[in-house]
């Protein structure tokens, strides 16, 4: 299993398809900064740091092509923040990875995807409860 990055994935929050919000799992879609290494496709647990506000939020991260919906071959970085529903569009953020939860997979139904997402968030919360969050860097 590949190691987690020791430095954050830095990027800007951009508009996505809006599918996550409609399913009850809103996501911040990241456009990585040039030269920023993106980990391999998987579901991860981590922290979303917001230099502009000083906030740090628990997060579950999906990196992949959204195989259940099969509408893209482009790799997306989608972050579900557990503890904020702030509008993050246009904000430059840092994503710190704590653990790899599982492989991405194509689910037979949207309900199966949602059940897996709920379990991912539960596992991510449990992991993050035992880890000190990073400090958000100054803007």
C-alpha atoms as a PDB file:
ATOM      1  CA  UNK A   1       0.000   0.000   0.000  1.00  0.00           C
ATOM      2  CA  UNK A   2       1.481   3.403  -0.941  1.00  0.00           C
ATOM      3  CA  UNK A   3       2.541   5.743   1.814  1.00  0.00           C
ATOM      4  CA  UNK A   4       0.501   8.827   2.601  1.00  0.00           C
ATOM      5  CA  UNK A   5       1.971  12.169   1.558  1.00  0.00           C
ATOM      6  CA  UNK A   6       3.944  13.914   4.298  1.00  0.00           C
ATOM      7  CA  UNK A   7       3.022  17.321   2.906  1.00  0.00           C
ATOM      8  CA  UNK A   8      -0.475  18.616   2.243  1.00  0.00           C
ATOM      9  CA  UNK A   9      -2.268  18.613  -1.065  1.00  0.00           C
ATOM     10  CA  UNK A  10      -2.746  22.312  -1.757  1.00  0.00           C
ATOM     11  CA  UNK A  11      -5.520  23.476  -4.019  1.00  0.00           C
ATOM     12  CA  UNK A  12      -8.418  25.796  -4.688  1.00  0.00           C
ATOM     13  CA  UNK A  13     -12.052  24.831  -4.141  1.00  0.00           C
ATOM     14  CA  UNK A  14     -13.903  24.810  -7.464  1.00  0.00           C
ATOM     15  CA  UNK A  15     -17.431  23.973  -8.590  1.00  0.00           C
ATOM     16  CA  UNK A  16     -18.118  20.309  -9.308  1.00  0.00           C
ATOM     17  CA  UNK A  17     -21.160  18.530 -10.684  1.00  0.00           C
ATOM     18  CA  UNK A  18     -23.173  19.259  -7.511  1.00  0.00           C
ATOM     19  CA  UNK A  19     -23.999  15.577  -7.151  1.00  0.00           C
ATOM     20  CA  UNK A  20     -22.670  15.258  -3.582  1.00  0.00           C
ATOM     21  CA  UNK A  21     -24.908  18.001  -2.217  1.00  0.00           C
ATOM     22  CA  UNK A  22     -27.943  16.399  -3.872  1.00  0.00           C
ATOM     23  CA  UNK A  23     -27.086  13.079  -2.213  1.00  0.00           C
ATOM     24  CA  UNK A  24     -26.632  14.604   1.252  1.00  0.00           C
ATOM     25  CA  UNK A  25     -22.823  14.499   1.129  1.00  0.00           C
ATOM     26  CA  UNK A  26     -21.727  17.942  -0.034  1.00  0.00           C
ATOM     27  CA  UNK A  27     -18.125  18.051  -1.158  1.00  0.00           C
ATOM     28  CA  UNK A  28     -15.488  20.681  -1.735  1.00  0.00           C
ATOM     29  CA  UNK A  29     -13.953  19.864  -5.109  1.00  0.00           C
ATOM     30  CA  UNK A  30     -10.245  20.695  -5.179  1.00  0.00           C
ATOM     31  CA  UNK A  31      -8.249  21.814  -8.162  1.00  0.00           C
ATOM     32  CA  UNK A  32      -4.704  20.943  -7.047  1.00  0.00           C
ATOM     33  CA  UNK A  33      -2.042  23.621  -7.343  1.00  0.00           C
ATOM     34  CA  UNK A  34       0.463  22.979 -10.152  1.00  0.00           C
ATOM     35  CA  UNK A  35       3.187  20.631  -9.012  1.00  0.00           C
ATOM     36  CA  UNK A  36       1.169  19.300  -6.075  1.00  0.00           C
ATOM     37  CA  UNK A  37       1.286  15.507  -5.837  1.00  0.00           C
ATOM     38  CA  UNK A  38      -2.126  13.853  -5.700  1.00  0.00           C
ATOM     39  CA  UNK A  39      -2.276  10.484  -3.909  1.00  0.00           C
ATOM     40  CA  UNK A  40      -3.570   7.451  -5.813  1.00  0.00           C
ATOM     41  CA  UNK A  41      -7.329   6.972  -6.175  1.00  0.00           C
ATOM     42  CA  UNK A  42      -8.880   5.808  -2.884  1.00  0.00           C
ATOM     43  CA  UNK A  43     -11.015   7.003   0.011  1.00  0.00           C
ATOM     44  CA  UNK A  44      -9.017   8.772   2.724  1.00  0.00           C
ATOM     45  CA  UNK A  45      -9.438  10.323   6.149  1.00  0.00           C
ATOM     46  CA  UNK A  46      -7.825  13.688   6.773  1.00  0.00           C
ATOM     47  CA  UNK A  47      -7.971  17.335   7.722  1.00  0.00           C
ATOM     48  CA  UNK A  48      -8.977  20.292   5.568  1.00  0.00           C
ATOM     49  CA  UNK A  49      -7.017  23.375   6.693  1.00  0.00           C
ATOM     50  CA  UNK A  50      -8.247  26.836   5.685  1.00  0.00           C
ATOM     51  CA  UNK A  51      -5.454  29.425   5.852  1.00  0.00           C
ATOM     52  CA  UNK A  52      -7.902  32.280   5.106  1.00  0.00           C
ATOM     53  CA  UNK A  53      -9.938  31.588   8.264  1.00  0.00           C
ATOM     54  CA  UNK A  54      -7.559  29.558  10.428  1.00  0.00           C
ATOM     55  CA  UNK A  55     -10.125  26.755  10.472  1.00  0.00           C
ATOM     56  CA  UNK A  56      -9.287  23.065  10.389  1.00  0.00           C
ATOM     57  CA  UNK A  57     -12.057  20.564   9.644  1.00  0.00           C
ATOM     58  CA  UNK A  58     -12.447  16.793   9.823  1.00  0.00           C
ATOM     59  CA  UNK A  59     -12.741  15.366   6.344  1.00  0.00           C
ATOM     60  CA  UNK A  60     -13.357  12.260   4.300  1.00  0.00           C
ATOM     61  CA  UNK A  61     -11.715  12.477   0.887  1.00  0.00           C
ATOM     62  CA  UNK A  62     -12.522  10.698  -2.354  1.00  0.00           C
ATOM     63  CA  UNK A  63      -9.869  10.692  -5.052  1.00  0.00           C
ATOM     64  CA  UNK A  64     -10.953   9.030  -8.254  1.00  0.00           C
ATOM     65  CA  UNK A  65     -13.123   9.057 -11.355  1.00  0.00           C
ATOM     66  CA  UNK A  66     -16.558   8.609  -9.699  1.00  0.00           C
ATOM     67  CA  UNK A  67     -16.936   5.062 -11.092  1.00  0.00           C
ATOM     68  CA  UNK A  68     -20.489   4.555  -9.814  1.00  0.00           C
ATOM     69  CA  UNK A  69     -21.687   7.306 -12.110  1.00  0.00           C
ATOM     70  CA  UNK A  70     -19.311   6.393 -14.947  1.00  0.00           C
ATOM     71  CA  UNK A  71     -19.413   9.851 -16.453  1.00  0.00           C
ATOM     72  CA  UNK A  72     -15.753  10.800 -16.275  1.00  0.00           C
ATOM     73  CA  UNK A  73     -12.263   9.496 -16.780  1.00  0.00           C
ATOM     74  CA  UNK A  74     -10.813  12.569 -15.061  1.00  0.00           C
ATOM     75  CA  UNK A  75      -9.533  12.085 -11.510  1.00  0.00           C
ATOM     76  CA  UNK A  76     -11.382  14.304  -9.027  1.00  0.00           C
ATOM     77  CA  UNK A  77     -10.412  15.286  -5.484  1.00  0.00           C
ATOM     78  CA  UNK A  78     -13.608  15.638  -3.456  1.00  0.00           C
ATOM     79  CA  UNK A  79     -13.613  16.524   0.234  1.00  0.00           C
ATOM     80  CA  UNK A  80     -16.590  16.014   2.535  1.00  0.00           C
ATOM     81  CA  UNK A  81     -16.116  18.205   5.631  1.00  0.00           C
ATOM     82  CA  UNK A  82     -17.777  16.632   8.661  1.00  0.00           C
ATOM     83  CA  UNK A  83     -18.153  19.786  10.707  1.00  0.00           C
ATOM     84  CA  UNK A  84     -18.849  22.736   8.425  1.00  0.00           C
ATOM     85  CA  UNK A  85     -21.195  23.634   5.614  1.00  0.00           C
ATOM     86  CA  UNK A  86     -19.394  26.908   4.815  1.00  0.00           C
ATOM     87  CA  UNK A  87     -19.189  28.039   1.216  1.00  0.00           C
ATOM     88  CA  UNK A  88     -15.562  27.310   0.307  1.00  0.00           C
ATOM     89  CA  UNK A  89     -15.659  28.206  -3.407  1.00  0.00           C
ATOM     90  CA  UNK A  90     -12.519  30.005  -4.518  1.00  0.00           C
ATOM     91  CA  UNK A  91     -10.758  29.354  -1.218  1.00  0.00           C
ATOM     92  CA  UNK A  92      -7.194  28.010  -1.228  1.00  0.00           C
ATOM     93  CA  UNK A  93      -7.002  25.078   1.192  1.00  0.00           C
ATOM     94  CA  UNK A  94      -4.601  22.408   2.394  1.00  0.00           C
ATOM     95  CA  UNK A  95      -5.563  18.767   2.681  1.00  0.00           C
ATOM     96  CA  UNK A  96      -3.606  16.699   5.210  1.00  0.00           C
ATOM     97  CA  UNK A  97      -3.996  12.925   4.843  1.00  0.00           C
ATOM     98  CA  UNK A  98      -4.248  10.762   7.977  1.00  0.00           C
ATOM     99  CA  UNK A  99      -5.280   7.318   6.699  1.00  0.00           C
ATOM    100  CA  UNK A 100      -6.315   5.437   3.594  1.00  0.00           C
ATOM    101  CA  UNK A 101      -9.740   3.920   4.281  1.00  0.00           C
ATOM    102  CA  UNK A 102     -10.391   1.796   1.197  1.00  0.00           C
ATOM    103  CA  UNK A 103     -10.176   1.534  -2.577  1.00  0.00           C
ATOM    104  CA  UNK A 104     -12.615   3.428  -4.743  1.00  0.00           C
ATOM    105  CA  UNK A 105     -15.198   1.154  -6.262  1.00  0.00           C
ATOM    106  CA  UNK A 106     -18.185   1.087  -8.550  1.00  0.00           C
ATOM    107  CA  UNK A 107     -21.373   0.438  -6.575  1.00  0.00           C
ATOM    108  CA  UNK A 108     -24.414  -1.283  -8.081  1.00  0.00           C
ATOM    109  CA  UNK A 109     -26.780   1.386  -6.712  1.00  0.00           C
ATOM    110  CA  UNK A 110     -26.655   4.908  -5.348  1.00  0.00           C
ATOM    111  CA  UNK A 111     -28.056   3.552  -2.054  1.00  0.00           C
ATOM    112  CA  UNK A 112     -25.071   1.198  -1.762  1.00  0.00           C
ATOM    113  CA  UNK A 113     -22.728   4.137  -2.429  1.00  0.00           C
ATOM    114  CA  UNK A 114     -24.462   6.211   0.271  1.00  0.00           C
ATOM    115  CA  UNK A 115     -24.205   3.360   2.796  1.00  0.00           C
ATOM    116  CA  UNK A 116     -20.473   3.081   2.094  1.00  0.00           C
ATOM    117  CA  UNK A 117     -20.058   6.878   2.358  1.00  0.00           C
ATOM    118  CA  UNK A 118     -21.776   6.913   5.761  1.00  0.00           C
ATOM    119  CA  UNK A 119     -19.439   4.143   6.949  1.00  0.00           C
ATOM    120  CA  UNK A 120     -16.417   6.015   5.537  1.00  0.00           C
ATOM    121  CA  UNK A 121     -17.383   9.143   7.497  1.00  0.00           C
ATOM    122  CA  UNK A 122     -17.932   7.095  10.681  1.00  0.00           C
ATOM    123  CA  UNK A 123     -14.502   5.452  10.324  1.00  0.00           C
ATOM    124  CA  UNK A 124     -12.860   8.760   9.468  1.00  0.00           C
ATOM    125  CA  UNK A 125     -14.373  10.440  12.549  1.00  0.00           C
ATOM    126  CA  UNK A 126     -13.102   7.627  14.776  1.00  0.00           C
ATOM    127  CA  UNK A 127      -9.582   7.902  13.340  1.00  0.00           C
ATOM    128  CA  UNK A 128      -9.466  11.685  13.556  1.00  0.00           C
ATOM    129  CA  UNK A 129     -10.673  11.678  17.163  1.00  0.00           C
ATOM    130  CA  UNK A 130      -7.328  10.142  18.101  1.00  0.00           C
ATOM    131  CA  UNK A 131      -5.154  12.520  16.029  1.00  0.00           C
ATOM    132  CA  UNK A 132      -4.143  16.103  16.749  1.00  0.00           C
ATOM    133  CA  UNK A 133      -5.192  18.307  13.836  1.00  0.00           C
ATOM    134  CA  UNK A 134      -2.598  20.397  12.024  1.00  0.00           C
ATOM    135  CA  UNK A 135      -2.550  24.135  12.558  1.00  0.00           C
ATOM    136  CA  UNK A 136      -3.909  26.128   9.668  1.00  0.00           C
ATOM    137  CA  UNK A 137      -1.081  28.198   8.208  1.00  0.00           C
ATOM    138  CA  UNK A 138      -1.372  31.943   8.181  1.00  0.00           C
ATOM    139  CA  UNK A 139      -2.859  33.424   4.983  1.00  0.00           C
END
